[in-house]
Amino acid sequence: MQINHDTRCALDYVVDLLNTAADGSSPDTLVTSADLHSYLERNNVSGVGSTLGEQDLSGVRAVRDTFTRIFEATDTRTAAGLLNDLVAEAGTTPQLTDHDGYDWHVHYFAPDATVAQHLAADGGMALAFIVVAGERDRLRRCGAPDCGRAFIDLSRNRSRRYCDSRTCGNRLHVAAYRARRRELAEPEGRRAEAAPEPRDEGTVRAGDRAPR
């Protein structure tokens, strides 16, 4: 799937935001203002103030909840409705910019946007691009039974199943390999246990006919 650099960056931070939420194996990692700072720095999110408070944190957590509902929507119409509401509430205002030495690109958030509105506008428009392209099935959760982290499958043949092939993917492949080895070994063991005792052909057992 071909997407431009800005859309890819926005999708990356949407996924990272989703994966800050608690799941069965990891805690919520977006619970303090320091966590929010760390998230913004990690994703190189520009145009946000250096002073962030509890209101910013609660706003970003609310955006995270909406992104989660979009990912989990069972049909495109539901996802589209959620996205329309999200970008409208964010006050989306497209503008061209070449800030910080970058080439010209589009920001969708308003100049006076809060950090939550910033993420909602740019992230929402990136997800809207996926919906318009008919690629919503690329919004996925990891196939590992004990993971469930979000990811976007950008592979050509939509074959990606795990959030990270080096961790979850490799772990599941190793487990499957070991299971196959066990399946192959167990029948051989049972056959060995059930094999008849070697017979001395020169001995006549009870019920056998004597040789003629």
N, C-alpha and C. Protein backbone atom coordinates (compact mmCIF):
# COMPACT_ATOMS: atom_id res chain seq x y z
N MET A 1 0.84 -1.19 0.00
CA MET A 1 0.00 0.00 0.00
C MET A 1 0.88 1.24 0.00
N GLN A 2 0.60 2.18 -0.89
CA GLN A 2 1.40 3.39 -1.01
C GLN A 2 0.73 4.54 -0.25
N ILE A 3 1.43 5.08 0.72
CA ILE A 3 0.96 6.26 1.44
C ILE A 3 2.11 7.23 1.57
N ASN A 4 1.78 8.52 1.70
CA ASN A 4 2.86 9.49 1.80
C ASN A 4 3.47 9.50 3.21
N HIS A 5 4.59 10.18 3.30
CA HIS A 5 5.36 10.16 4.55
C HIS A 5 4.57 10.73 5.72
N ASP A 6 3.86 11.83 5.50
CA ASP A 6 3.14 12.48 6.59
C ASP A 6 2.02 11.59 7.12
N THR A 7 1.32 10.93 6.20
CA THR A 7 0.26 10.02 6.63
C THR A 7 0.83 8.86 7.41
N ARG A 8 1.97 8.35 6.95
CA ARG A 8 2.60 7.23 7.65
C ARG A 8 3.01 7.64 9.07
N CYS A 9 3.56 8.83 9.21
CA CYS A 9 3.95 9.31 10.55
C CYS A 9 2.73 9.42 11.46
N ALA A 10 1.63 9.97 10.92
CA ALA A 10 0.42 10.11 11.72
C ALA A 10 -0.14 8.75 12.12
N LEU A 11 -0.12 7.80 11.19
CA LEU A 11 -0.60 6.45 11.52
C LEU A 11 0.27 5.80 12.59
N ASP A 12 1.57 6.05 12.51
CA ASP A 12 2.47 5.49 13.51
C ASP A 12 2.14 6.01 14.91
N TYR A 13 1.85 7.32 15.01
CA TYR A 13 1.57 7.81 16.36
C TYR A 13 0.17 7.42 16.83
N VAL A 14 -0.75 7.18 15.88
CA VAL A 14 -2.06 6.64 16.28
C VAL A 14 -1.87 5.26 16.91
N VAL A 15 -1.09 4.41 16.24
CA VAL A 15 -0.84 3.06 16.75
C VAL A 15 -0.13 3.11 18.10
N ASP A 16 0.87 3.98 18.21
CA ASP A 16 1.60 4.08 19.47
C ASP A 16 0.68 4.55 20.59
N LEU A 17 -0.22 5.48 20.28
CA LEU A 17 -1.17 5.95 21.29
C LEU A 17 -2.10 4.82 21.72
N LEU A 18 -2.60 4.05 20.78
CA LEU A 18 -3.46 2.91 21.11
C LEU A 18 -2.74 1.93 22.03
N ASN A 19 -1.46 1.74 21.77
CA ASN A 19 -0.71 0.73 22.51
C ASN A 19 -0.21 1.22 23.86
N THR A 20 -0.55 2.47 24.23
CA THR A 20 -0.28 2.90 25.60
C THR A 20 -1.37 2.41 26.56
N ALA A 21 -2.49 1.96 26.02
CA ALA A 21 -3.59 1.50 26.86
C ALA A 21 -3.25 0.16 27.50
N ALA A 22 -3.83 -0.08 28.65
CA ALA A 22 -3.61 -1.35 29.34
C ALA A 22 -4.24 -2.49 28.56
N ASP A 23 -3.58 -3.64 28.60
CA ASP A 23 -4.18 -4.85 28.05
C ASP A 23 -3.93 -5.99 29.04
N GLY A 24 -4.14 -7.19 28.61
CA GLY A 24 -4.01 -8.30 29.54
C GLY A 24 -2.63 -8.53 30.09
N SER A 25 -1.60 -8.05 29.37
CA SER A 25 -0.24 -8.34 29.79
C SER A 25 0.59 -7.11 30.16
N SER A 26 0.05 -5.90 29.96
CA SER A 26 0.83 -4.70 30.26
C SER A 26 -0.08 -3.61 30.81
N PRO A 27 0.47 -2.72 31.66
CA PRO A 27 -0.34 -1.66 32.27
C PRO A 27 -0.49 -0.47 31.33
N ASP A 28 -1.36 0.44 31.71
CA ASP A 28 -1.52 1.70 30.99
C ASP A 28 -0.24 2.51 31.15
N THR A 29 0.30 3.01 30.05
CA THR A 29 1.53 3.80 30.12
C THR A 29 1.29 5.26 29.76
N LEU A 30 0.03 5.70 29.88
CA LEU A 30 -0.29 7.10 29.67
C LEU A 30 -1.16 7.57 30.85
N VAL A 31 -0.52 7.70 31.99
CA VAL A 31 -1.26 8.04 33.21
C VAL A 31 -0.78 9.34 33.86
N THR A 32 0.33 9.88 33.41
CA THR A 32 0.85 11.12 33.98
C THR A 32 1.24 12.08 32.86
N SER A 33 1.44 13.34 33.23
CA SER A 33 1.91 14.33 32.25
C SER A 33 3.28 13.95 31.71
N ALA A 34 4.10 13.35 32.55
CA ALA A 34 5.42 12.89 32.10
C ALA A 34 5.28 11.81 31.03
N ASP A 35 4.30 10.93 31.21
CA ASP A 35 4.04 9.90 30.19
C ASP A 35 3.65 10.56 28.87
N LEU A 36 2.84 11.60 28.95
CA LEU A 36 2.41 12.30 27.73
C LEU A 36 3.60 12.95 27.04
N HIS A 37 4.46 13.61 27.82
CA HIS A 37 5.68 14.20 27.25
C HIS A 37 6.51 13.13 26.54
N SER A 38 6.67 12.00 27.18
CA SER A 38 7.46 10.91 26.61
C SER A 38 6.86 10.43 25.29
N TYR A 39 5.54 10.30 25.27
CA TYR A 39 4.86 9.87 24.04
C TYR A 39 5.07 10.87 22.91
N LEU A 40 4.92 12.16 23.20
CA LEU A 40 5.06 13.19 22.16
C LEU A 40 6.49 13.25 21.64
N GLU A 41 7.46 13.14 22.52
CA GLU A 41 8.86 13.16 22.10
C GLU A 41 9.20 11.92 21.28
N ARG A 42 8.69 10.79 21.70
CA ARG A 42 8.96 9.52 21.01
C ARG A 42 8.44 9.56 19.57
N ASN A 43 7.34 10.27 19.36
CA ASN A 43 6.73 10.33 18.04
C ASN A 43 7.03 11.63 17.30
N ASN A 44 7.90 12.46 17.89
CA ASN A 44 8.32 13.70 17.25
C ASN A 44 7.12 14.55 16.82
N VAL A 45 6.15 14.68 17.71
CA VAL A 45 4.96 15.47 17.42
C VAL A 45 5.30 16.95 17.58
N SER A 46 5.12 17.71 16.52
CA SER A 46 5.49 19.13 16.53
C SER A 46 4.28 19.99 16.87
N GLY A 47 4.55 21.25 17.15
CA GLY A 47 3.48 22.22 17.34
C GLY A 47 2.71 22.09 18.64
N VAL A 48 3.32 21.50 19.65
CA VAL A 48 2.65 21.40 20.95
C VAL A 48 3.48 22.15 21.98
N GLY A 49 2.82 22.70 22.95
CA GLY A 49 3.53 23.48 23.97
C GLY A 49 4.36 22.60 24.88
N SER A 50 5.29 23.23 25.56
CA SER A 50 6.16 22.49 26.47
C SER A 50 5.51 22.27 27.83
N THR A 51 4.47 23.06 28.13
CA THR A 51 3.77 22.93 29.41
C THR A 51 2.46 22.19 29.19
N LEU A 52 2.40 20.98 29.68
CA LEU A 52 1.21 20.15 29.52
C LEU A 52 0.69 19.76 30.89
N GLY A 53 -0.63 19.85 31.06
CA GLY A 53 -1.22 19.55 32.36
C GLY A 53 -2.21 18.41 32.31
N GLU A 54 -2.97 18.29 33.39
CA GLU A 54 -3.94 17.20 33.51
C GLU A 54 -5.03 17.29 32.46
N GLN A 55 -5.41 18.51 32.08
CA GLN A 55 -6.44 18.66 31.06
C GLN A 55 -5.96 18.11 29.71
N ASP A 56 -4.69 18.37 29.40
CA ASP A 56 -4.13 17.83 28.16
C ASP A 56 -4.10 16.30 28.21
N LEU A 57 -3.71 15.77 29.36
CA LEU A 57 -3.63 14.32 29.51
C LEU A 57 -5.01 13.68 29.34
N SER A 58 -6.02 14.24 30.00
CA SER A 58 -7.36 13.66 29.88
C SER A 58 -7.89 13.78 28.46
N GLY A 59 -7.55 14.89 27.79
CA GLY A 59 -7.98 15.07 26.40
C GLY A 59 -7.37 14.03 25.47
N VAL A 60 -6.08 13.77 25.65
CA VAL A 60 -5.40 12.78 24.80
C VAL A 60 -5.92 11.38 25.10
N ARG A 61 -6.21 11.10 26.35
CA ARG A 61 -6.77 9.79 26.69
C ARG A 61 -8.15 9.60 26.05
N ALA A 62 -8.92 10.68 25.96
CA ALA A 62 -10.23 10.61 25.29
C ALA A 62 -10.06 10.35 23.80
N VAL A 63 -9.07 10.99 23.19
CA VAL A 63 -8.78 10.74 21.77
C VAL A 63 -8.37 9.28 21.58
N ARG A 64 -7.58 8.77 22.51
CA ARG A 64 -7.18 7.36 22.44
C ARG A 64 -8.40 6.45 22.45
N ASP A 65 -9.36 6.76 23.29
CA ASP A 65 -10.58 5.95 23.35
C ASP A 65 -11.31 5.96 22.00
N THR A 66 -11.35 7.13 21.36
CA THR A 66 -12.03 7.21 20.06
C THR A 66 -11.26 6.43 19.00
N PHE A 67 -9.94 6.56 18.99
CA PHE A 67 -9.15 5.76 18.05
C PHE A 67 -9.40 4.26 18.26
N THR A 68 -9.53 3.86 19.52
CA THR A 68 -9.80 2.45 19.81
C THR A 68 -11.13 2.02 19.21
N ARG A 69 -12.16 2.85 19.36
CA ARG A 69 -13.47 2.50 18.79
C ARG A 69 -13.42 2.44 17.27
N ILE A 70 -12.61 3.30 16.66
CA ILE A 70 -12.47 3.27 15.20
C ILE A 70 -11.81 1.97 14.77
N PHE A 71 -10.77 1.58 15.47
CA PHE A 71 -10.09 0.32 15.14
C PHE A 71 -11.03 -0.87 15.30
N GLU A 72 -11.88 -0.82 16.30
CA GLU A 72 -12.73 -1.97 16.62
C GLU A 72 -14.10 -1.91 15.96
N ALA A 73 -14.37 -0.87 15.16
CA ALA A 73 -15.66 -0.75 14.48
C ALA A 73 -15.90 -1.97 13.59
N THR A 74 -17.11 -2.48 13.61
CA THR A 74 -17.42 -3.69 12.86
C THR A 74 -17.77 -3.42 11.40
N ASP A 75 -17.99 -2.16 11.06
CA ASP A 75 -18.30 -1.83 9.66
C ASP A 75 -17.76 -0.44 9.34
N THR A 76 -17.61 -0.18 8.05
CA THR A 76 -17.01 1.08 7.60
C THR A 76 -17.87 2.28 7.93
N ARG A 77 -19.18 2.15 7.85
CA ARG A 77 -20.05 3.28 8.15
C ARG A 77 -19.87 3.75 9.59
N THR A 78 -19.75 2.82 10.50
CA THR A 78 -19.53 3.19 11.90
C THR A 78 -18.19 3.89 12.07
N ALA A 79 -17.15 3.35 11.45
CA ALA A 79 -15.82 3.97 11.53
C ALA A 79 -15.85 5.37 10.93
N ALA A 80 -16.53 5.53 9.79
CA ALA A 80 -16.60 6.84 9.14
C ALA A 80 -17.33 7.85 10.02
N GLY A 81 -18.40 7.44 10.67
CA GLY A 81 -19.12 8.34 11.56
C GLY A 81 -18.26 8.80 12.73
N LEU A 82 -17.52 7.87 13.31
CA LEU A 82 -16.62 8.22 14.41
C LEU A 82 -15.54 9.19 13.95
N LEU A 83 -15.00 8.96 12.77
CA LEU A 83 -13.96 9.84 12.24
C LEU A 83 -14.51 11.22 11.93
N ASN A 84 -15.71 11.29 11.34
CA ASN A 84 -16.31 12.59 11.04
C ASN A 84 -16.48 13.41 12.32
N ASP A 85 -16.98 12.77 13.36
CA ASP A 85 -17.17 13.48 14.63
C ASP A 85 -15.83 13.91 15.22
N LEU A 86 -14.84 13.03 15.13
CA LEU A 86 -13.53 13.32 15.72
C LEU A 86 -12.88 14.53 15.07
N VAL A 87 -12.81 14.55 13.74
CA VAL A 87 -12.11 15.66 13.07
C VAL A 87 -12.91 16.95 13.15
N ALA A 88 -14.24 16.84 13.24
CA ALA A 88 -15.05 18.05 13.39
C ALA A 88 -14.82 18.68 14.76
N GLU A 89 -14.82 17.86 15.79
CA GLU A 89 -14.60 18.37 17.15
C GLU A 89 -13.19 18.93 17.32
N ALA A 90 -12.24 18.42 16.53
CA ALA A 90 -10.86 18.89 16.63
C ALA A 90 -10.66 20.23 15.93
N GLY A 91 -11.68 20.72 15.21
CA GLY A 91 -11.53 21.98 14.49
C GLY A 91 -10.50 21.89 13.38
N THR A 92 -10.58 20.83 12.60
CA THR A 92 -9.59 20.56 11.56
C THR A 92 -9.47 21.72 10.58
N THR A 93 -8.23 22.19 10.39
CA THR A 93 -7.95 23.32 9.51
C THR A 93 -6.71 23.02 8.69
N PRO A 94 -6.85 22.46 7.49
CA PRO A 94 -5.67 22.09 6.69
C PRO A 94 -4.82 23.32 6.34
N GLN A 95 -3.51 23.17 6.47
CA GLN A 95 -2.60 24.25 6.10
C GLN A 95 -1.26 23.66 5.69
N LEU A 96 -0.65 24.26 4.69
CA LEU A 96 0.67 23.84 4.23
C LEU A 96 1.74 24.45 5.12
N THR A 97 2.77 23.69 5.41
CA THR A 97 3.86 24.18 6.25
C THR A 97 5.17 23.51 5.85
N ASP A 98 6.26 24.21 6.09
CA ASP A 98 7.60 23.61 5.88
C ASP A 98 8.45 23.84 7.13
N HIS A 99 7.85 23.69 8.29
CA HIS A 99 8.51 23.98 9.56
C HIS A 99 9.74 23.11 9.78
N ASP A 100 10.67 23.66 10.53
CA ASP A 100 11.86 22.93 10.99
C ASP A 100 12.67 22.31 9.85
N GLY A 101 12.63 22.93 8.68
CA GLY A 101 13.44 22.44 7.57
C GLY A 101 12.85 21.28 6.80
N TYR A 102 11.65 20.84 7.15
CA TYR A 102 11.00 19.76 6.41
C TYR A 102 10.45 20.29 5.09
N ASP A 103 10.26 19.40 4.12
CA ASP A 103 9.61 19.79 2.87
C ASP A 103 8.16 20.17 3.16
N TRP A 104 7.54 20.79 2.17
CA TRP A 104 6.15 21.20 2.34
C TRP A 104 5.26 19.99 2.59
N HIS A 105 4.40 20.15 3.59
CA HIS A 105 3.45 19.09 3.92
C HIS A 105 2.23 19.73 4.57
N VAL A 106 1.21 18.92 4.81
CA VAL A 106 -0.06 19.44 5.33
C VAL A 106 -0.22 19.10 6.80
N HIS A 107 -0.55 20.12 7.58
CA HIS A 107 -1.02 19.92 8.95
C HIS A 107 -2.53 20.14 8.94
N TYR A 108 -3.24 19.30 9.65
CA TYR A 108 -4.70 19.42 9.68
C TYR A 108 -5.22 20.08 10.94
N PHE A 109 -4.36 20.25 11.93
CA PHE A 109 -4.81 20.87 13.18
C PHE A 109 -4.72 22.39 13.08
N ALA A 110 -5.59 23.08 13.81
CA ALA A 110 -5.61 24.54 13.81
C ALA A 110 -4.38 25.08 14.54
N PRO A 111 -3.94 26.30 14.21
CA PRO A 111 -2.74 26.87 14.86
C PRO A 111 -2.84 26.94 16.38
N ASP A 112 -4.04 27.12 16.91
CA ASP A 112 -4.20 27.23 18.36
C ASP A 112 -4.73 25.94 18.98
N ALA A 113 -4.54 24.82 18.30
CA ALA A 113 -5.09 23.55 18.77
C ALA A 113 -4.41 23.07 20.05
N THR A 114 -5.17 22.41 20.88
CA THR A 114 -4.58 21.72 22.02
C THR A 114 -3.86 20.47 21.50
N VAL A 115 -3.10 19.83 22.36
CA VAL A 115 -2.40 18.63 21.93
C VAL A 115 -3.40 17.53 21.56
N ALA A 116 -4.51 17.45 22.27
CA ALA A 116 -5.53 16.45 21.94
C ALA A 116 -6.15 16.74 20.57
N GLN A 117 -6.44 18.01 20.30
CA GLN A 117 -6.99 18.38 18.99
C GLN A 117 -5.98 18.13 17.88
N HIS A 118 -4.72 18.38 18.17
CA HIS A 118 -3.64 18.12 17.21
C HIS A 118 -3.65 16.64 16.81
N LEU A 119 -3.62 15.76 17.79
CA LEU A 119 -3.58 14.33 17.52
C LEU A 119 -4.86 13.86 16.84
N ALA A 120 -5.99 14.41 17.27
CA ALA A 120 -7.26 14.02 16.68
C ALA A 120 -7.35 14.42 15.22
N ALA A 121 -6.89 15.63 14.90
CA ALA A 121 -6.99 16.13 13.53
C ALA A 121 -6.06 15.36 12.59
N ASP A 122 -4.77 15.33 12.91
CA ASP A 122 -3.82 14.66 12.01
C ASP A 122 -4.03 13.14 12.00
N GLY A 123 -4.23 12.56 13.18
CA GLY A 123 -4.46 11.12 13.24
C GLY A 123 -5.78 10.73 12.61
N GLY A 124 -6.80 11.54 12.84
CA GLY A 124 -8.11 11.26 12.24
C GLY A 124 -8.08 11.32 10.73
N MET A 125 -7.38 12.30 10.16
CA MET A 125 -7.30 12.41 8.71
C MET A 125 -6.48 11.27 8.11
N ALA A 126 -5.47 10.82 8.82
CA ALA A 126 -4.69 9.67 8.34
C ALA A 126 -5.55 8.42 8.30
N LEU A 127 -6.36 8.21 9.34
CA LEU A 127 -7.26 7.07 9.35
C LEU A 127 -8.35 7.22 8.29
N ALA A 128 -8.79 8.46 8.04
CA ALA A 128 -9.77 8.70 6.98
C ALA A 128 -9.21 8.29 5.62
N PHE A 129 -7.93 8.54 5.40
CA PHE A 129 -7.29 8.12 4.16
C PHE A 129 -7.39 6.61 4.00
N ILE A 130 -7.17 5.87 5.07
CA ILE A 130 -7.26 4.41 5.03
C ILE A 130 -8.69 3.97 4.67
N VAL A 131 -9.67 4.63 5.26
CA VAL A 131 -11.07 4.28 4.99
C VAL A 131 -11.43 4.57 3.54
N VAL A 132 -11.08 5.76 3.05
CA VAL A 132 -11.40 6.14 1.67
C VAL A 132 -10.74 5.20 0.67
N ALA A 133 -9.55 4.73 0.99
CA ALA A 133 -8.82 3.82 0.10
C ALA A 133 -9.39 2.40 0.14
N GLY A 134 -10.39 2.16 0.99
CA GLY A 134 -10.96 0.82 1.10
C GLY A 134 -10.04 -0.17 1.78
N GLU A 135 -9.20 0.34 2.68
CA GLU A 135 -8.17 -0.50 3.30
C GLU A 135 -8.37 -0.64 4.81
N ARG A 136 -9.60 -0.51 5.27
CA ARG A 136 -9.84 -0.52 6.71
C ARG A 136 -9.44 -1.84 7.36
N ASP A 137 -9.44 -2.92 6.58
CA ASP A 137 -9.06 -4.21 7.16
C ASP A 137 -7.58 -4.29 7.48
N ARG A 138 -6.83 -3.25 7.12
CA ARG A 138 -5.42 -3.20 7.50
C ARG A 138 -5.24 -2.71 8.94
N LEU A 139 -6.28 -2.20 9.55
CA LEU A 139 -6.23 -1.80 10.96
C LEU A 139 -6.44 -3.06 11.78
N ARG A 140 -5.41 -3.52 12.44
CA ARG A 140 -5.46 -4.85 13.05
C ARG A 140 -4.94 -4.87 14.48
N ARG A 141 -5.22 -6.00 15.11
CA ARG A 141 -4.67 -6.33 16.42
C ARG A 141 -3.77 -7.55 16.26
N CYS A 142 -2.74 -7.61 17.07
CA CYS A 142 -1.77 -8.70 16.99
C CYS A 142 -2.47 -10.06 17.13
N GLY A 143 -2.04 -11.02 16.31
CA GLY A 143 -2.63 -12.34 16.32
C GLY A 143 -2.14 -13.24 17.44
N ALA A 144 -1.14 -12.79 18.20
CA ALA A 144 -0.67 -13.59 19.33
C ALA A 144 -1.75 -13.61 20.41
N PRO A 145 -2.08 -14.79 20.95
CA PRO A 145 -3.20 -14.88 21.89
C PRO A 145 -3.02 -14.08 23.18
N ASP A 146 -1.79 -13.77 23.55
CA ASP A 146 -1.55 -13.04 24.79
C ASP A 146 -1.08 -11.61 24.54
N CYS A 147 -1.34 -11.07 23.34
CA CYS A 147 -0.85 -9.73 23.03
C CYS A 147 -2.01 -8.77 22.74
N GLY A 148 -2.46 -8.67 21.52
CA GLY A 148 -3.55 -7.76 21.19
C GLY A 148 -3.14 -6.34 20.90
N ARG A 149 -1.84 -6.06 20.73
CA ARG A 149 -1.40 -4.71 20.40
C ARG A 149 -1.88 -4.33 19.00
N ALA A 150 -2.12 -3.03 18.81
CA ALA A 150 -2.58 -2.54 17.52
C ALA A 150 -1.41 -2.42 16.54
N PHE A 151 -1.71 -2.57 15.27
CA PHE A 151 -0.75 -2.26 14.22
C PHE A 151 -1.51 -2.03 12.92
N ILE A 152 -0.84 -1.44 11.95
CA ILE A 152 -1.43 -1.24 10.62
C ILE A 152 -0.61 -2.05 9.64
N ASP A 153 -1.28 -2.97 8.96
CA ASP A 153 -0.61 -3.86 8.02
C ASP A 153 -0.42 -3.13 6.70
N LEU A 154 0.80 -2.72 6.42
CA LEU A 154 1.12 -2.02 5.17
C LEU A 154 1.81 -2.94 4.18
N SER A 155 1.78 -4.25 4.44
CA SER A 155 2.40 -5.19 3.50
C SER A 155 1.60 -5.24 2.20
N ARG A 156 2.26 -5.62 1.13
CA ARG A 156 1.62 -5.61 -0.19
C ARG A 156 0.45 -6.59 -0.25
N ASN A 157 0.61 -7.75 0.35
CA ASN A 157 -0.44 -8.78 0.25
C ASN A 157 -1.26 -8.93 1.53
N ARG A 158 -1.17 -7.95 2.41
CA ARG A 158 -1.96 -7.93 3.64
C ARG A 158 -1.73 -9.19 4.48
N SER A 159 -0.51 -9.62 4.57
CA SER A 159 -0.21 -10.90 5.21
C SER A 159 0.30 -10.77 6.64
N ARG A 160 0.49 -9.55 7.11
CA ARG A 160 1.06 -9.38 8.44
C ARG A 160 0.05 -9.79 9.51
N ARG A 161 0.48 -10.58 10.48
CA ARG A 161 -0.41 -11.09 11.53
C ARG A 161 -0.03 -10.61 12.93
N TYR A 162 1.22 -10.17 13.09
CA TYR A 162 1.70 -9.86 14.44
C TYR A 162 2.18 -8.41 14.52
N CYS A 163 2.12 -7.85 15.73
CA CYS A 163 2.57 -6.47 15.92
C CYS A 163 4.06 -6.34 15.64
N ASP A 164 4.82 -7.40 15.93
CA ASP A 164 6.26 -7.40 15.71
C ASP A 164 6.69 -8.83 15.39
N SER A 165 7.21 -9.04 14.20
CA SER A 165 7.61 -10.39 13.80
C SER A 165 8.79 -10.90 14.62
N ARG A 166 9.57 -9.98 15.21
CA ARG A 166 10.75 -10.40 15.97
C ARG A 166 10.39 -10.85 17.38
N THR A 167 9.23 -10.45 17.86
CA THR A 167 8.84 -10.84 19.22
C THR A 167 7.65 -11.80 19.15
N CYS A 168 6.46 -11.26 18.96
CA CYS A 168 5.27 -12.11 18.94
C CYS A 168 5.33 -13.13 17.80
N GLY A 169 5.69 -12.67 16.61
CA GLY A 169 5.73 -13.58 15.47
C GLY A 169 6.72 -14.71 15.68
N ASN A 170 7.93 -14.37 16.09
CA ASN A 170 8.95 -15.39 16.31
C ASN A 170 8.56 -16.34 17.43
N ARG A 171 7.98 -15.79 18.50
CA ARG A 171 7.57 -16.62 19.63
C ARG A 171 6.50 -17.63 19.21
N LEU A 172 5.52 -17.18 18.41
CA LEU A 172 4.46 -18.09 17.96
C LEU A 172 4.99 -19.13 16.98
N HIS A 173 5.94 -18.73 16.13
CA HIS A 173 6.52 -19.68 15.19
C HIS A 173 7.31 -20.76 15.93
N VAL A 174 8.06 -20.36 16.95
CA VAL A 174 8.82 -21.33 17.74
C VAL A 174 7.86 -22.29 18.45
N ALA A 175 6.79 -21.74 19.02
CA ALA A 175 5.82 -22.59 19.72
C ALA A 175 5.16 -23.57 18.76
N ALA A 176 4.84 -23.11 17.54
CA ALA A 176 4.22 -24.00 16.55
C ALA A 176 5.19 -25.09 16.12
N TYR A 177 6.46 -24.71 15.96
CA TYR A 177 7.48 -25.69 15.57
C TYR A 177 7.62 -26.77 16.64
N ARG A 178 7.67 -26.36 17.90
CA ARG A 178 7.80 -27.33 18.99
C ARG A 178 6.57 -28.23 19.08
N ALA A 179 5.40 -27.65 18.82
CA ALA A 179 4.18 -28.47 18.86
C ALA A 179 4.21 -29.52 17.75
N ARG A 180 4.69 -29.13 16.57
CA ARG A 180 4.78 -30.11 15.47
C ARG A 180 5.76 -31.21 15.81
N ARG A 181 6.87 -30.85 16.44
CA ARG A 181 7.85 -31.86 16.83
C ARG A 181 7.25 -32.85 17.83
N ARG A 182 6.46 -32.34 18.77
CA ARG A 182 5.82 -33.22 19.75
C ARG A 182 4.82 -34.15 19.08
N GLU A 183 4.06 -33.60 18.11
CA GLU A 183 3.08 -34.43 17.41
C GLU A 183 3.74 -35.55 16.63
N LEU A 184 4.91 -35.26 16.06
CA LEU A 184 5.62 -36.29 15.31
C LEU A 184 6.25 -37.32 16.23
N ALA A 185 6.70 -36.89 17.40
CA ALA A 185 7.39 -37.80 18.32
C ALA A 185 6.42 -38.70 19.07
N GLU A 186 5.26 -38.21 19.43
CA GLU A 186 4.34 -38.99 20.26
C GLU A 186 3.85 -40.27 19.58
N PRO A 187 3.43 -40.27 18.31
CA PRO A 187 2.99 -41.52 17.69
C PRO A 187 4.09 -42.57 17.64
N GLU A 188 5.34 -42.14 17.41
CA GLU A 188 6.45 -43.08 17.37
C GLU A 188 6.63 -43.74 18.73
N GLY A 189 6.48 -42.97 19.80
CA GLY A 189 6.61 -43.53 21.13
C GLY A 189 5.51 -44.52 21.43
N ARG A 190 4.28 -44.17 21.00
CA ARG A 190 3.17 -45.09 21.25
C ARG A 190 3.33 -46.38 20.44
N ARG A 191 3.83 -46.25 19.21
CA ARG A 191 4.04 -47.44 18.39
C ARG A 191 5.09 -48.35 19.01
N ALA A 192 6.13 -47.74 19.59
CA ALA A 192 7.19 -48.53 20.21
C ALA A 192 6.66 -49.29 21.41
N GLU A 193 5.76 -48.62 22.19
CA GLU A 193 5.20 -49.28 23.36
C GLU A 193 4.26 -50.41 22.97
N ALA A 194 3.54 -50.24 21.85
CA ALA A 194 2.55 -51.23 21.44
C ALA A 194 3.12 -52.33 20.56
N ALA A 195 4.39 -52.21 20.17
CA ALA A 195 4.99 -53.20 19.26
C ALA A 195 5.05 -54.56 19.94
N PRO A 196 4.72 -55.68 19.21
CA PRO A 196 4.74 -57.03 19.82
C PRO A 196 6.15 -57.46 20.16
N GLU A 197 6.24 -58.31 21.15
CA GLU A 197 7.54 -58.85 21.56
C GLU A 197 8.09 -59.72 20.45
N PRO A 198 9.35 -59.58 20.11
CA PRO A 198 9.93 -60.40 19.04
C PRO A 198 9.70 -61.88 19.34
N ARG A 199 9.38 -62.65 18.30
CA ARG A 199 9.01 -64.06 18.46
C ARG A 199 10.11 -64.97 17.95
N ASP A 200 10.39 -65.98 18.75
CA ASP A 200 11.35 -67.01 18.33
C ASP A 200 10.62 -67.99 17.43
N GLU A 201 10.96 -68.00 16.16
CA GLU A 201 10.24 -68.82 15.19
C GLU A 201 10.38 -70.31 15.47
N GLY A 202 11.36 -70.68 16.28
CA GLY A 202 11.52 -72.11 16.58
C GLY A 202 10.69 -72.58 17.75
N THR A 203 9.92 -71.72 18.34
CA THR A 203 9.11 -72.07 19.51
C THR A 203 7.65 -72.14 19.12
N VAL A 204 6.97 -73.20 19.52
CA VAL A 204 5.55 -73.33 19.26
C VAL A 204 4.80 -72.85 20.49
N ARG A 205 3.96 -71.81 20.31
CA ARG A 205 3.20 -71.28 21.42
C ARG A 205 1.86 -72.00 21.51
N ALA A 206 1.24 -71.86 22.66
CA ALA A 206 -0.07 -72.47 22.85
C ALA A 206 -1.03 -71.94 21.81
N GLY A 207 -1.72 -72.84 21.13
CA GLY A 207 -2.67 -72.44 20.10
C GLY A 207 -2.06 -72.40 18.73
N ASP A 208 -0.74 -72.47 18.64
CA ASP A 208 -0.11 -72.48 17.33
C ASP A 208 -0.12 -73.90 16.79
N ARG A 209 -0.18 -73.99 15.50
CA ARG A 209 -0.06 -75.30 14.87
C ARG A 209 1.39 -75.71 14.80
N ALA A 210 1.61 -76.99 15.05
CA ALA A 210 2.98 -77.50 14.89
C ALA A 210 3.31 -77.54 13.42
N PRO A 211 4.53 -77.21 13.10
CA PRO A 211 4.91 -77.25 11.68
C PRO A 211 4.81 -78.65 11.12
N ARG A 212 4.41 -78.74 9.85
CA ARG A 212 4.32 -80.03 9.19
C ARG A 212 5.54 -80.27 8.32
